[in-house]
Amino acid sequence: MTAPYAPFTATDSRWRPGGGSAPDLRMHGATLTAELRRWSPGESLHIDATTPEEIGAVLEGRFELVCGDERHELADGQGIVIPPGEAHSWRVLSDGGVLYRVLGPDTAGN
């Protein structure tokens, strides 16, 4: 049996296309985690190989995603699915950006 959670909790990130607000939204469900965040110019994030499946969607700006020896450049409106257990890194290439990420169940038990 899983722990109880509020399945219908609505949250407003205050992000609007082209808006200057800085969203910082992270929500956890029973099996998924969703994050919406504005990144600063040049900001990066490295994720090790113990992570679950991840889906990323660029809402504003341009991002570089490196998975192993593959490099992807994603811009407004583009998204990607990253398999579980793949070490990868995100880096914003533009003057900041907004990235929406969804992470699947934690396969490492963390």
PDB file of N, CA and C in Angstrom:
ATOM      1  N   MET A   1       0.847  -1.187   0.000  1.00  0.00           N
ATOM      2  CA  MET A   1       0.000   0.000   0.000  1.00  0.00           C
ATOM      3  C   MET A   1       0.887   1.242   0.000  1.00  0.00           C
ATOM      4  N   THR A   2       0.545   2.208  -0.823  1.00  0.00           N
ATOM      5  CA  THR A   2       1.323   3.444  -0.892  1.00  0.00           C
ATOM      6  C   THR A   2       0.825   4.453   0.135  1.00  0.00           C
ATOM      7  N   ALA A   3       1.707   5.394   0.456  1.00  0.00           N
ATOM      8  CA  ALA A   3       1.336   6.450   1.403  1.00  0.00           C
ATOM      9  C   ALA A   3       0.276   7.341   0.781  1.00  0.00           C
ATOM     10  N   PRO A   4      -0.657   7.842   1.583  1.00  0.00           N
ATOM     11  CA  PRO A   4      -1.700   8.717   1.038  1.00  0.00           C
ATOM     12  C   PRO A   4      -1.110  10.054   0.578  1.00  0.00           C
ATOM     13  N   TYR A   5      -1.693  10.619  -0.444  1.00  0.00           N
ATOM     14  CA  TYR A   5      -1.300  11.934  -0.939  1.00  0.00           C
ATOM     15  C   TYR A   5      -2.529  12.626  -1.490  1.00  0.00           C
ATOM     16  N   ALA A   6      -2.419  13.913  -1.732  1.00  0.00           N
ATOM     17  CA  ALA A   6      -3.547  14.688  -2.250  1.00  0.00           C
ATOM     18  C   ALA A   6      -3.498  14.662  -3.773  1.00  0.00           C
ATOM     19  N   PRO A   7      -4.289  13.815  -4.443  1.00  0.00           N
ATOM     20  CA  PRO A   7      -4.178  13.653  -5.889  1.00  0.00           C
ATOM     21  C   PRO A   7      -4.679  14.841  -6.700  1.00  0.00           C
ATOM     22  N   PHE A   8      -5.414  15.753  -6.105  1.00  0.00           N
ATOM     23  CA  PHE A   8      -5.958  16.858  -6.875  1.00  0.00           C
ATOM     24  C   PHE A   8      -5.556  18.202  -6.299  1.00  0.00           C
ATOM     25  N   THR A   9      -4.305  18.366  -5.958  1.00  0.00           N
ATOM     26  CA  THR A   9      -3.817  19.630  -5.431  1.00  0.00           C
ATOM     27  C   THR A   9      -3.351  20.501  -6.586  1.00  0.00           C
ATOM     28  N   ALA A  10      -3.998  21.632  -6.788  1.00  0.00           N
ATOM     29  CA  ALA A  10      -3.623  22.552  -7.864  1.00  0.00           C
ATOM     30  C   ALA A  10      -2.684  23.622  -7.315  1.00  0.00           C
ATOM     31  N   THR A  11      -1.657  23.949  -8.094  1.00  0.00           N
ATOM     32  CA  THR A  11      -0.676  24.949  -7.688  1.00  0.00           C
ATOM     33  C   THR A  11      -0.403  25.866  -8.867  1.00  0.00           C
ATOM     34  N   ASP A  12      -0.325  27.171  -8.634  1.00  0.00           N
ATOM     35  CA  ASP A  12      -0.006  28.132  -9.684  1.00  0.00           C
ATOM     36  C   ASP A  12       1.461  28.524  -9.567  1.00  0.00           C
ATOM     37  N   SER A  13       2.244  28.250 -10.603  1.00  0.00           N
ATOM     38  CA  SER A  13       3.675  28.578 -10.582  1.00  0.00           C
ATOM     39  C   SER A  13       3.931  30.057 -10.811  1.00  0.00           C
ATOM     40  N   ARG A  14       2.939  30.783 -11.260  1.00  0.00           N
ATOM     41  CA  ARG A  14       3.034  32.202 -11.618  1.00  0.00           C
ATOM     42  C   ARG A  14       3.849  32.418 -12.897  1.00  0.00           C
ATOM     43  N   TRP A  15       4.234  31.342 -13.602  1.00  0.00           N
ATOM     44  CA  TRP A  15       4.954  31.496 -14.866  1.00  0.00           C
ATOM     45  C   TRP A  15       3.958  31.803 -15.964  1.00  0.00           C
ATOM     46  N   ARG A  16       4.310  32.769 -16.790  1.00  0.00           N
ATOM     47  CA  ARG A  16       3.522  33.112 -17.977  1.00  0.00           C
ATOM     48  C   ARG A  16       4.495  33.277 -19.132  1.00  0.00           C
ATOM     49  N   PRO A  17       4.143  32.838 -20.344  1.00  0.00           N
ATOM     50  CA  PRO A  17       5.060  32.988 -21.479  1.00  0.00           C
ATOM     51  C   PRO A  17       5.543  34.425 -21.612  1.00  0.00           C
ATOM     52  N   GLY A  18       6.849  34.593 -21.722  1.00  0.00           N
ATOM     53  CA  GLY A  18       7.425  35.922 -21.891  1.00  0.00           C
ATOM     54  C   GLY A  18       7.437  36.757 -20.626  1.00  0.00           C
ATOM     55  N   GLY A  19       6.945  36.206 -19.532  1.00  0.00           N
ATOM     56  CA  GLY A  19       6.876  36.960 -18.281  1.00  0.00           C
ATOM     57  C   GLY A  19       8.211  36.988 -17.573  1.00  0.00           C
ATOM     58  N   GLY A  20       8.392  37.955 -16.705  1.00  0.00           N
ATOM     59  CA  GLY A  20       9.650  38.104 -15.997  1.00  0.00           C
ATOM     60  C   GLY A  20       9.678  37.410 -14.651  1.00  0.00           C
ATOM     61  N   SER A  21       8.567  36.773 -14.262  1.00  0.00           N
ATOM     62  CA  SER A  21       8.566  36.138 -12.950  1.00  0.00           C
ATOM     63  C   SER A  21       9.472  34.913 -12.961  1.00  0.00           C
ATOM     64  N   ALA A  22       9.951  34.546 -11.810  1.00  0.00           N
ATOM     65  CA  ALA A  22      10.865  33.412 -11.691  1.00  0.00           C
ATOM     66  C   ALA A  22      10.151  32.244 -11.040  1.00  0.00           C
ATOM     67  N   PRO A  23       9.603  31.335 -11.838  1.00  0.00           N
ATOM     68  CA  PRO A  23       8.915  30.201 -11.234  1.00  0.00           C
ATOM     69  C   PRO A  23       9.892  29.304 -10.500  1.00  0.00           C
ATOM     70  N   ASP A  24       9.450  28.732  -9.438  1.00  0.00           N
ATOM     71  CA  ASP A  24      10.234  27.748  -8.708  1.00  0.00           C
ATOM     72  C   ASP A  24       9.216  26.793  -8.119  1.00  0.00           C
ATOM     73  N   LEU A  25       8.805  25.845  -8.926  1.00  0.00           N
ATOM     74  CA  LEU A  25       7.725  24.945  -8.549  1.00  0.00           C
ATOM     75  C   LEU A  25       8.234  23.513  -8.610  1.00  0.00           C
ATOM     76  N   ARG A  26       8.076  22.790  -7.522  1.00  0.00           N
ATOM     77  CA  ARG A  26       8.438  21.368  -7.490  1.00  0.00           C
ATOM     78  C   ARG A  26       7.321  20.659  -6.754  1.00  0.00           C
ATOM     79  N   MET A  27       6.684  19.698  -7.433  1.00  0.00           N
ATOM     80  CA  MET A  27       5.567  18.961  -6.850  1.00  0.00           C
ATOM     81  C   MET A  27       5.877  17.471  -6.874  1.00  0.00           C
ATOM     82  N   HIS A  28       5.540  16.795  -5.779  1.00  0.00           N
ATOM     83  CA  HIS A  28       5.774  15.361  -5.666  1.00  0.00           C
ATOM     84  C   HIS A  28       4.438  14.647  -5.565  1.00  0.00           C
ATOM     85  N   GLY A  29       4.257  13.629  -6.400  1.00  0.00           N
ATOM     86  CA  GLY A  29       3.089  12.765  -6.304  1.00  0.00           C
ATOM     87  C   GLY A  29       3.517  11.418  -5.757  1.00  0.00           C
ATOM     88  N   ALA A  30       2.661  10.437  -5.882  1.00  0.00           N
ATOM     89  CA  ALA A  30       2.974   9.097  -5.379  1.00  0.00           C
ATOM     90  C   ALA A  30       4.138   8.477  -6.146  1.00  0.00           C
ATOM     91  N   THR A  31       4.241   8.744  -7.451  1.00  0.00           N
ATOM     92  CA  THR A  31       5.317   8.144  -8.246  1.00  0.00           C
ATOM     93  C   THR A  31       6.076   9.141  -9.112  1.00  0.00           C
ATOM     94  N   LEU A  32       5.557  10.334  -9.319  1.00  0.00           N
ATOM     95  CA  LEU A  32       6.205  11.313 -10.194  1.00  0.00           C
ATOM     96  C   LEU A  32       6.571  12.585  -9.441  1.00  0.00           C
ATOM     97  N   THR A  33       7.615  13.252  -9.933  1.00  0.00           N
ATOM     98  CA  THR A  33       7.986  14.575  -9.445  1.00  0.00           C
ATOM     99  C   THR A  33       8.016  15.495 -10.654  1.00  0.00           C
ATOM    100  N   ALA A  34       7.403  16.669 -10.541  1.00  0.00           N
ATOM    101  CA  ALA A  34       7.409  17.655 -11.618  1.00  0.00           C
ATOM    102  C   ALA A  34       8.086  18.923 -11.115  1.00  0.00           C
ATOM    103  N   GLU A  35       8.878  19.536 -11.994  1.00  0.00           N
ATOM    104  CA  GLU A  35       9.600  20.756 -11.635  1.00  0.00           C
ATOM    105  C   GLU A  35       9.479  21.758 -12.778  1.00  0.00           C
ATOM    106  N   LEU A  36       9.173  22.987 -12.451  1.00  0.00           N
ATOM    107  CA  LEU A  36       9.148  24.096 -13.403  1.00  0.00           C
ATOM    108  C   LEU A  36      10.025  25.184 -12.809  1.00  0.00           C
ATOM    109  N   ARG A  37      11.063  25.568 -13.556  1.00  0.00           N
ATOM    110  CA  ARG A  37      12.025  26.511 -12.973  1.00  0.00           C
ATOM    111  C   ARG A  37      12.651  27.388 -14.041  1.00  0.00           C
ATOM    112  N   ARG A  38      12.856  28.662 -13.681  1.00  0.00           N
ATOM    113  CA  ARG A  38      13.597  29.593 -14.534  1.00  0.00           C
ATOM    114  C   ARG A  38      15.075  29.464 -14.198  1.00  0.00           C
ATOM    115  N   TRP A  39      15.899  29.282 -15.231  1.00  0.00           N
ATOM    116  CA  TRP A  39      17.342  29.108 -15.067  1.00  0.00           C
ATOM    117  C   TRP A  39      18.056  30.408 -15.402  1.00  0.00           C
ATOM    118  N   SER A  40      19.161  30.658 -14.722  1.00  0.00           N
ATOM    119  CA  SER A  40      20.006  31.835 -14.977  1.00  0.00           C
ATOM    120  C   SER A  40      20.937  31.552 -16.147  1.00  0.00           C
ATOM    121  N   PRO A  41      21.435  32.592 -16.811  1.00  0.00           N
ATOM    122  CA  PRO A  41      22.380  32.384 -17.915  1.00  0.00           C
ATOM    123  C   PRO A  41      23.580  31.549 -17.464  1.00  0.00           C
ATOM    124  N   GLY A  42      23.925  30.519 -18.242  1.00  0.00           N
ATOM    125  CA  GLY A  42      25.076  29.681 -17.954  1.00  0.00           C
ATOM    126  C   GLY A  42      24.869  28.629 -16.876  1.00  0.00           C
ATOM    127  N   GLU A  43      23.707  28.620 -16.222  1.00  0.00           N
ATOM    128  CA  GLU A  43      23.457  27.655 -15.149  1.00  0.00           C
ATOM    129  C   GLU A  43      23.455  26.232 -15.710  1.00  0.00           C
ATOM    130  N   SER A  44      23.933  25.274 -14.908  1.00  0.00           N
ATOM    131  CA  SER A  44      23.953  23.881 -15.343  1.00  0.00           C
ATOM    132  C   SER A  44      23.570  22.960 -14.192  1.00  0.00           C
ATOM    133  N   LEU A  45      23.229  21.722 -14.537  1.00  0.00           N
ATOM    134  CA  LEU A  45      22.824  20.721 -13.561  1.00  0.00           C
ATOM    135  C   LEU A  45      23.305  19.367 -14.053  1.00  0.00           C
ATOM    136  N   HIS A  46      24.079  18.654 -13.231  1.00  0.00           N
ATOM    137  CA  HIS A  46      24.526  17.308 -13.589  1.00  0.00           C
ATOM    138  C   HIS A  46      23.718  16.303 -12.786  1.00  0.00           C
ATOM    139  N   ILE A  47      23.231  15.268 -13.453  1.00  0.00           N
ATOM    140  CA  ILE A  47      22.405  14.253 -12.828  1.00  0.00           C
ATOM    141  C   ILE A  47      23.106  12.909 -12.999  1.00  0.00           C
ATOM    142  N   ASP A  48      23.324  12.195 -11.896  1.00  0.00           N
ATOM    143  CA  ASP A  48      24.092  10.949 -11.980  1.00  0.00           C
ATOM    144  C   ASP A  48      23.254   9.792 -12.537  1.00  0.00           C
ATOM    145  N   ALA A  49      23.887   8.639 -12.667  1.00  0.00           N
ATOM    146  CA  ALA A  49      23.276   7.498 -13.334  1.00  0.00           C
ATOM    147  C   ALA A  49      22.283   6.724 -12.472  1.00  0.00           C
ATOM    148  N   THR A  50      21.984   7.185 -11.267  1.00  0.00           N
ATOM    149  CA  THR A  50      21.022   6.467 -10.421  1.00  0.00           C
ATOM    150  C   THR A  50      19.619   7.058 -10.533  1.00  0.00           C
ATOM    151  N   THR A  51      19.416   7.971 -11.457  1.00  0.00           N
ATOM    152  CA  THR A  51      18.134   8.679 -11.542  1.00  0.00           C
ATOM    153  C   THR A  51      17.087   7.901 -12.329  1.00  0.00           C
ATOM    154  N   PRO A  52      15.815   8.219 -12.071  1.00  0.00           N
ATOM    155  CA  PRO A  52      14.723   7.587 -12.814  1.00  0.00           C
ATOM    156  C   PRO A  52      14.590   8.191 -14.209  1.00  0.00           C
ATOM    157  N   GLU A  53      13.643   7.672 -14.968  1.00  0.00           N
ATOM    158  CA  GLU A  53      13.327   8.242 -16.275  1.00  0.00           C
ATOM    159  C   GLU A  53      12.972   9.715 -16.097  1.00  0.00           C
ATOM    160  N   GLU A  54      13.350  10.546 -17.064  1.00  0.00           N
ATOM    161  CA  GLU A  54      13.077  11.984 -16.997  1.00  0.00           C
ATOM    162  C   GLU A  54      12.526  12.470 -18.335  1.00  0.00           C
ATOM    163  N   ILE A  55      11.574  13.371 -18.263  1.00  0.00           N
ATOM    164  CA  ILE A  55      11.059  14.053 -19.453  1.00  0.00           C
ATOM    165  C   ILE A  55      11.331  15.532 -19.248  1.00  0.00           C
ATOM    166  N   GLY A  56      11.919  16.184 -20.237  1.00  0.00           N
ATOM    167  CA  GLY A  56      12.203  17.612 -20.163  1.00  0.00           C
ATOM    168  C   GLY A  56      11.555  18.340 -21.321  1.00  0.00           C
ATOM    169  N   ALA A  57      11.009  19.516 -21.053  1.00  0.00           N
ATOM    170  CA  ALA A  57      10.411  20.353 -22.093  1.00  0.00           C
ATOM    171  C   ALA A  57      10.873  21.791 -21.888  1.00  0.00           C
ATOM    172  N   VAL A  58      11.386  22.388 -22.956  1.00  0.00           N
ATOM    173  CA  VAL A  58      11.860  23.773 -22.904  1.00  0.00           C
ATOM    174  C   VAL A  58      10.678  24.694 -23.193  1.00  0.00           C
ATOM    175  N   LEU A  59      10.377  25.571 -22.244  1.00  0.00           N
ATOM    176  CA  LEU A  59       9.291  26.529 -22.430  1.00  0.00           C
ATOM    177  C   LEU A  59       9.808  27.874 -22.919  1.00  0.00           C
ATOM    178  N   GLU A  60      11.020  28.228 -22.510  1.00  0.00           N
ATOM    179  CA  GLU A  60      11.668  29.466 -22.973  1.00  0.00           C
ATOM    180  C   GLU A  60      13.166  29.228 -23.052  1.00  0.00           C
ATOM    181  N   GLY A  61      13.813  29.818 -24.040  1.00  0.00           N
ATOM    182  CA  GLY A  61      15.267  29.780 -24.128  1.00  0.00           C
ATOM    183  C   GLY A  61      15.797  28.584 -24.896  1.00  0.00           C
ATOM    184  N   ARG A  62      17.100  28.339 -24.729  1.00  0.00           N
ATOM    185  CA  ARG A  62      17.798  27.228 -25.369  1.00  0.00           C
ATOM    186  C   ARG A  62      18.622  26.500 -24.316  1.00  0.00           C
ATOM    187  N   PHE A  63      18.578  25.178 -24.344  1.00  0.00           N
ATOM    188  CA  PHE A  63      19.302  24.343 -23.391  1.00  0.00           C
ATOM    189  C   PHE A  63      20.130  23.306 -24.133  1.00  0.00           C
ATOM    190  N   GLU A  64      21.257  22.948 -23.534  1.00  0.00           N
ATOM    191  CA  GLU A  64      22.065  21.836 -24.028  1.00  0.00           C
ATOM    192  C   GLU A  64      21.847  20.669 -23.070  1.00  0.00           C
ATOM    193  N   LEU A  65      21.624  19.498 -23.636  1.00  0.00           N
ATOM    194  CA  LEU A  65      21.508  18.275 -22.854  1.00  0.00           C
ATOM    195  C   LEU A  65      22.576  17.318 -23.352  1.00  0.00           C
ATOM    196  N   VAL A  66      23.406  16.829 -22.436  1.00  0.00           N
ATOM    197  CA  VAL A  66      24.440  15.856 -22.788  1.00  0.00           C
ATOM    198  C   VAL A  66      24.132  14.566 -22.052  1.00  0.00           C
ATOM    199  N   CYS A  67      23.972  13.476 -22.820  1.00  0.00           N
ATOM    200  CA  CYS A  67      23.747  12.121 -22.298  1.00  0.00           C
ATOM    201  C   CYS A  67      24.821  11.238 -22.904  1.00  0.00           C
ATOM    202  N   GLY A  68      25.748  10.764 -22.083  1.00  0.00           N
ATOM    203  CA  GLY A  68      26.846   9.964 -22.620  1.00  0.00           C
ATOM    204  C   GLY A  68      27.619  10.766 -23.649  1.00  0.00           C
ATOM    205  N   ASP A  69      27.783  10.231 -24.863  1.00  0.00           N
ATOM    206  CA  ASP A  69      28.466  10.997 -25.909  1.00  0.00           C
ATOM    207  C   ASP A  69      27.492  11.683 -26.855  1.00  0.00           C
ATOM    208  N   GLU A  70      26.213  11.740 -26.487  1.00  0.00           N
ATOM    209  CA  GLU A  70      25.224  12.446 -27.304  1.00  0.00           C
ATOM    210  C   GLU A  70      24.993  13.847 -26.746  1.00  0.00           C
ATOM    211  N   ARG A  71      24.920  14.807 -27.667  1.00  0.00           N
ATOM    212  CA  ARG A  71      24.655  16.204 -27.297  1.00  0.00           C
ATOM    213  C   ARG A  71      23.408  16.659 -28.046  1.00  0.00           C
ATOM    214  N   HIS A  72      22.472  17.234 -27.321  1.00  0.00           N
ATOM    215  CA  HIS A  72      21.232  17.736 -27.922  1.00  0.00           C
ATOM    216  C   HIS A  72      21.079  19.199 -27.550  1.00  0.00           C
ATOM    217  N   GLU A  73      20.673  20.002 -28.509  1.00  0.00           N
ATOM    218  CA  GLU A  73      20.351  21.396 -28.243  1.00  0.00           C
ATOM    219  C   GLU A  73      18.848  21.546 -28.429  1.00  0.00           C
ATOM    220  N   LEU A  74      18.170  21.972 -27.371  1.00  0.00           N
ATOM    221  CA  LEU A  74      16.716  22.096 -27.381  1.00  0.00           C
ATOM    222  C   LEU A  74      16.313  23.550 -27.208  1.00  0.00           C
ATOM    223  N   ALA A  75      15.281  23.962 -27.950  1.00  0.00           N
ATOM    224  CA  ALA A  75      14.782  25.340 -27.894  1.00  0.00           C
ATOM    225  C   ALA A  75      13.296  25.333 -27.549  1.00  0.00           C
ATOM    226  N   ASP A  76      12.725  26.541 -27.430  1.00  0.00           N
ATOM    227  CA  ASP A  76      11.304  26.713 -27.102  1.00  0.00           C
ATOM    228  C   ASP A  76      10.436  25.660 -27.792  1.00  0.00           C
ATOM    229  N   GLY A  77       9.621  24.978 -27.003  1.00  0.00           N
ATOM    230  CA  GLY A  77       8.651  24.046 -27.561  1.00  0.00           C
ATOM    231  C   GLY A  77       9.188  22.643 -27.814  1.00  0.00           C
ATOM    232  N   GLN A  78      10.460  22.397 -27.570  1.00  0.00           N
ATOM    233  CA  GLN A  78      11.014  21.064 -27.793  1.00  0.00           C
ATOM    234  C   GLN A  78      11.144  20.318 -26.478  1.00  0.00           C
ATOM    235  N   GLY A  79      11.075  18.981 -26.574  1.00  0.00           N
ATOM    236  CA  GLY A  79      11.189  18.157 -25.387  1.00  0.00           C
ATOM    237  C   GLY A  79      11.976  16.897 -25.685  1.00  0.00           C
ATOM    238  N   ILE A  80      12.272  16.141 -24.625  1.00  0.00           N
ATOM    239  CA  ILE A  80      13.076  14.932 -24.768  1.00  0.00           C
ATOM    240  C   ILE A  80      12.737  13.972 -23.631  1.00  0.00           C
ATOM    241  N   VAL A  81      12.891  12.671 -23.904  1.00  0.00           N
ATOM    242  CA  VAL A  81      12.733  11.635 -22.887  1.00  0.00           C
ATOM    243  C   VAL A  81      14.109  11.028 -22.640  1.00  0.00           C
ATOM    244  N   ILE A  82      14.506  10.956 -21.369  1.00  0.00           N
ATOM    245  CA  ILE A  82      15.806  10.408 -20.980  1.00  0.00           C
ATOM    246  C   ILE A  82      15.544   9.110 -20.218  1.00  0.00           C
ATOM    247  N   PRO A  83      16.094   7.984 -20.694  1.00  0.00           N
ATOM    248  CA  PRO A  83      15.840   6.701 -20.029  1.00  0.00           C
ATOM    249  C   PRO A  83      16.388   6.662 -18.605  1.00  0.00           C
ATOM    250  N   PRO A  84      15.830   5.801 -17.765  1.00  0.00           N
ATOM    251  CA  PRO A  84      16.339   5.688 -16.401  1.00  0.00           C
ATOM    252  C   PRO A  84      17.780   5.192 -16.394  1.00  0.00           C
ATOM    253  N   GLY A  85      18.536   5.635 -15.400  1.00  0.00           N
ATOM    254  CA  GLY A  85      19.909   5.179 -15.245  1.00  0.00           C
ATOM    255  C   GLY A  85      20.914   5.845 -16.150  1.00  0.00           C
ATOM    256  N   GLU A  86      20.524   6.880 -16.897  1.00  0.00           N
ATOM    257  CA  GLU A  86      21.434   7.603 -17.793  1.00  0.00           C
ATOM    258  C   GLU A  86      21.956   8.858 -17.105  1.00  0.00           C
ATOM    259  N   ALA A  87      23.254   8.909 -16.863  1.00  0.00           N
ATOM    260  CA  ALA A  87      23.843  10.153 -16.353  1.00  0.00           C
ATOM    261  C   ALA A  87      23.695  11.204 -17.447  1.00  0.00           C
ATOM    262  N   HIS A  88      23.352  12.409 -17.058  1.00  0.00           N
ATOM    263  CA  HIS A  88      23.179  13.476 -18.048  1.00  0.00           C
ATOM    264  C   HIS A  88      23.351  14.839 -17.399  1.00  0.00           C
ATOM    265  N   SER A  89      23.473  15.855 -18.224  1.00  0.00           N
ATOM    266  CA  SER A  89      23.591  17.217 -17.696  1.00  0.00           C
ATOM    267  C   SER A  89      22.822  18.181 -18.581  1.00  0.00           C
ATOM    268  N   TRP A  90      22.215  19.150 -17.918  1.00  0.00           N
ATOM    269  CA  TRP A  90      21.504  20.257 -18.567  1.00  0.00           C
ATOM    270  C   TRP A  90      22.348  21.516 -18.418  1.00  0.00           C
ATOM    271  N   ARG A  91      22.335  22.366 -19.443  1.00  0.00           N
ATOM    272  CA  ARG A  91      22.992  23.681 -19.341  1.00  0.00           C
ATOM    273  C   ARG A  91      22.206  24.657 -20.196  1.00  0.00           C
ATOM    274  N   VAL A  92      21.899  25.810 -19.627  1.00  0.00           N
ATOM    275  CA  VAL A  92      21.172  26.824 -20.392  1.00  0.00           C
ATOM    276  C   VAL A  92      22.165  27.544 -21.296  1.00  0.00           C
ATOM    277  N   LEU A  93      21.797  27.713 -22.565  1.00  0.00           N
ATOM    278  CA  LEU A  93      22.671  28.338 -23.561  1.00  0.00           C
ATOM    279  C   LEU A  93      22.283  29.787 -23.843  1.00  0.00           C
ATOM    280  N   SER A  94      21.063  30.140 -23.528  1.00  0.00           N
ATOM    281  CA  SER A  94      20.564  31.484 -23.829  1.00  0.00           C
ATOM    282  C   SER A  94      20.686  32.381 -22.604  1.00  0.00           C
ATOM    283  N   ASP A  95      20.094  33.540 -22.699  1.00  0.00           N
ATOM    284  CA  ASP A  95      20.084  34.508 -21.597  1.00  0.00           C
ATOM    285  C   ASP A  95      19.070  34.081 -20.543  1.00  0.00           C
ATOM    286  N   GLY A  96      19.190  32.879 -20.052  1.00  0.00           N
ATOM    287  CA  GLY A  96      18.211  32.319 -19.127  1.00  0.00           C
ATOM    288  C   GLY A  96      17.208  31.474 -19.888  1.00  0.00           C
ATOM    289  N   GLY A  97      16.374  30.765 -19.161  1.00  0.00           N
ATOM    290  CA  GLY A  97      15.372  29.922 -19.798  1.00  0.00           C
ATOM    291  C   GLY A  97      14.461  29.296 -18.768  1.00  0.00           C
ATOM    292  N   VAL A  98      13.379  28.695 -19.252  1.00  0.00           N
ATOM    293  CA  VAL A  98      12.434  28.005 -18.384  1.00  0.00           C
ATOM    294  C   VAL A  98      12.352  26.557 -18.853  1.00  0.00           C
ATOM    295  N   LEU A  99      12.605  25.637 -17.924  1.00  0.00           N
ATOM    296  CA  LEU A  99      12.609  24.210 -18.224  1.00  0.00           C
ATOM    297  C   LEU A  99      11.599  23.509 -17.334  1.00  0.00           C
ATOM    298  N   TYR A 100      10.777  22.664 -17.947  1.00  0.00           N
ATOM    299  CA  TYR A 100       9.806  21.843 -17.222  1.00  0.00           C
ATOM    300  C   TYR A 100      10.315  20.414 -17.255  1.00  0.00           C
ATOM    301  N   ARG A 101      10.506  19.807 -16.084  1.00  0.00           N
ATOM    302  CA  ARG A 101      11.014  18.437 -15.991  1.00  0.00           C
ATOM    303  C   ARG A 101      10.043  17.579 -15.190  1.00  0.00           C
ATOM    304  N   VAL A 102       9.857  16.325 -15.652  1.00  0.00           N
ATOM    305  CA  VAL A 102       9.077  15.337 -14.918  1.00  0.00           C
ATOM    306  C   VAL A 102       9.961  14.126 -14.724  1.00  0.00           C
ATOM    307  N   LEU A 103      10.078  13.675 -13.470  1.00  0.00           N
ATOM    308  CA  LEU A 103      10.913  12.521 -13.137  1.00  0.00           C
ATOM    309  C   LEU A 103      10.037  11.368 -12.686  1.00  0.00           C
ATOM    310  N   GLY A 104      10.334  10.187 -13.225  1.00  0.00           N
ATOM    311  CA  GLY A 104       9.568   8.995 -12.883  1.00  0.00           C
ATOM    312  C   GLY A 104       9.944   8.467 -11.513  1.00  0.00           C
ATOM    313  N   PRO A 105       9.439   7.295 -11.185  1.00  0.00           N
ATOM    314  CA  PRO A 105       9.734   6.690  -9.877  1.00  0.00           C
ATOM    315  C   PRO A 105      11.231   6.518  -9.694  1.00  0.00           C
ATOM    316  N   ASP A 106      11.690   6.760  -8.483  1.00  0.00           N
ATOM    317  CA  ASP A 106      13.112   6.675  -8.162  1.00  0.00           C
ATOM    318  C   ASP A 106      13.552   5.220  -8.122  1.00  0.00           C
ATOM    319  N   THR A 107      14.341   4.815  -9.126  1.00  0.00           N
ATOM    320  CA  THR A 107      14.772   3.422  -9.231  1.00  0.00           C
ATOM    321  C   THR A 107      15.859   3.090  -8.225  1.00  0.00           C
ATOM    322  N   ALA A 108      16.507   4.096  -7.639  1.00  0.00           N
ATOM    323  CA  ALA A 108      17.587   3.846  -6.676  1.00  0.00           C
ATOM    324  C   ALA A 108      17.060   3.767  -5.244  1.00  0.00           C
ATOM    325  N   GLY A 109      15.779   4.054  -5.063  1.00  0.00           N
ATOM    326  CA  GLY A 109      15.205   4.009  -3.726  1.00  0.00           C
ATOM    327  C   GLY A 109      15.536   5.220  -2.872  1.00  0.00           C
ATOM    328  N   ASN A 110      16.020   6.302  -3.480  1.00  0.00           N
ATOM    329  CA  ASN A 110      16.353   7.527  -2.726  1.00  0.00           C
ATOM    330  C   ASN A 110      15.137   8.389  -2.521  1.00  0.00           C
TER     331      ASN A 110
END
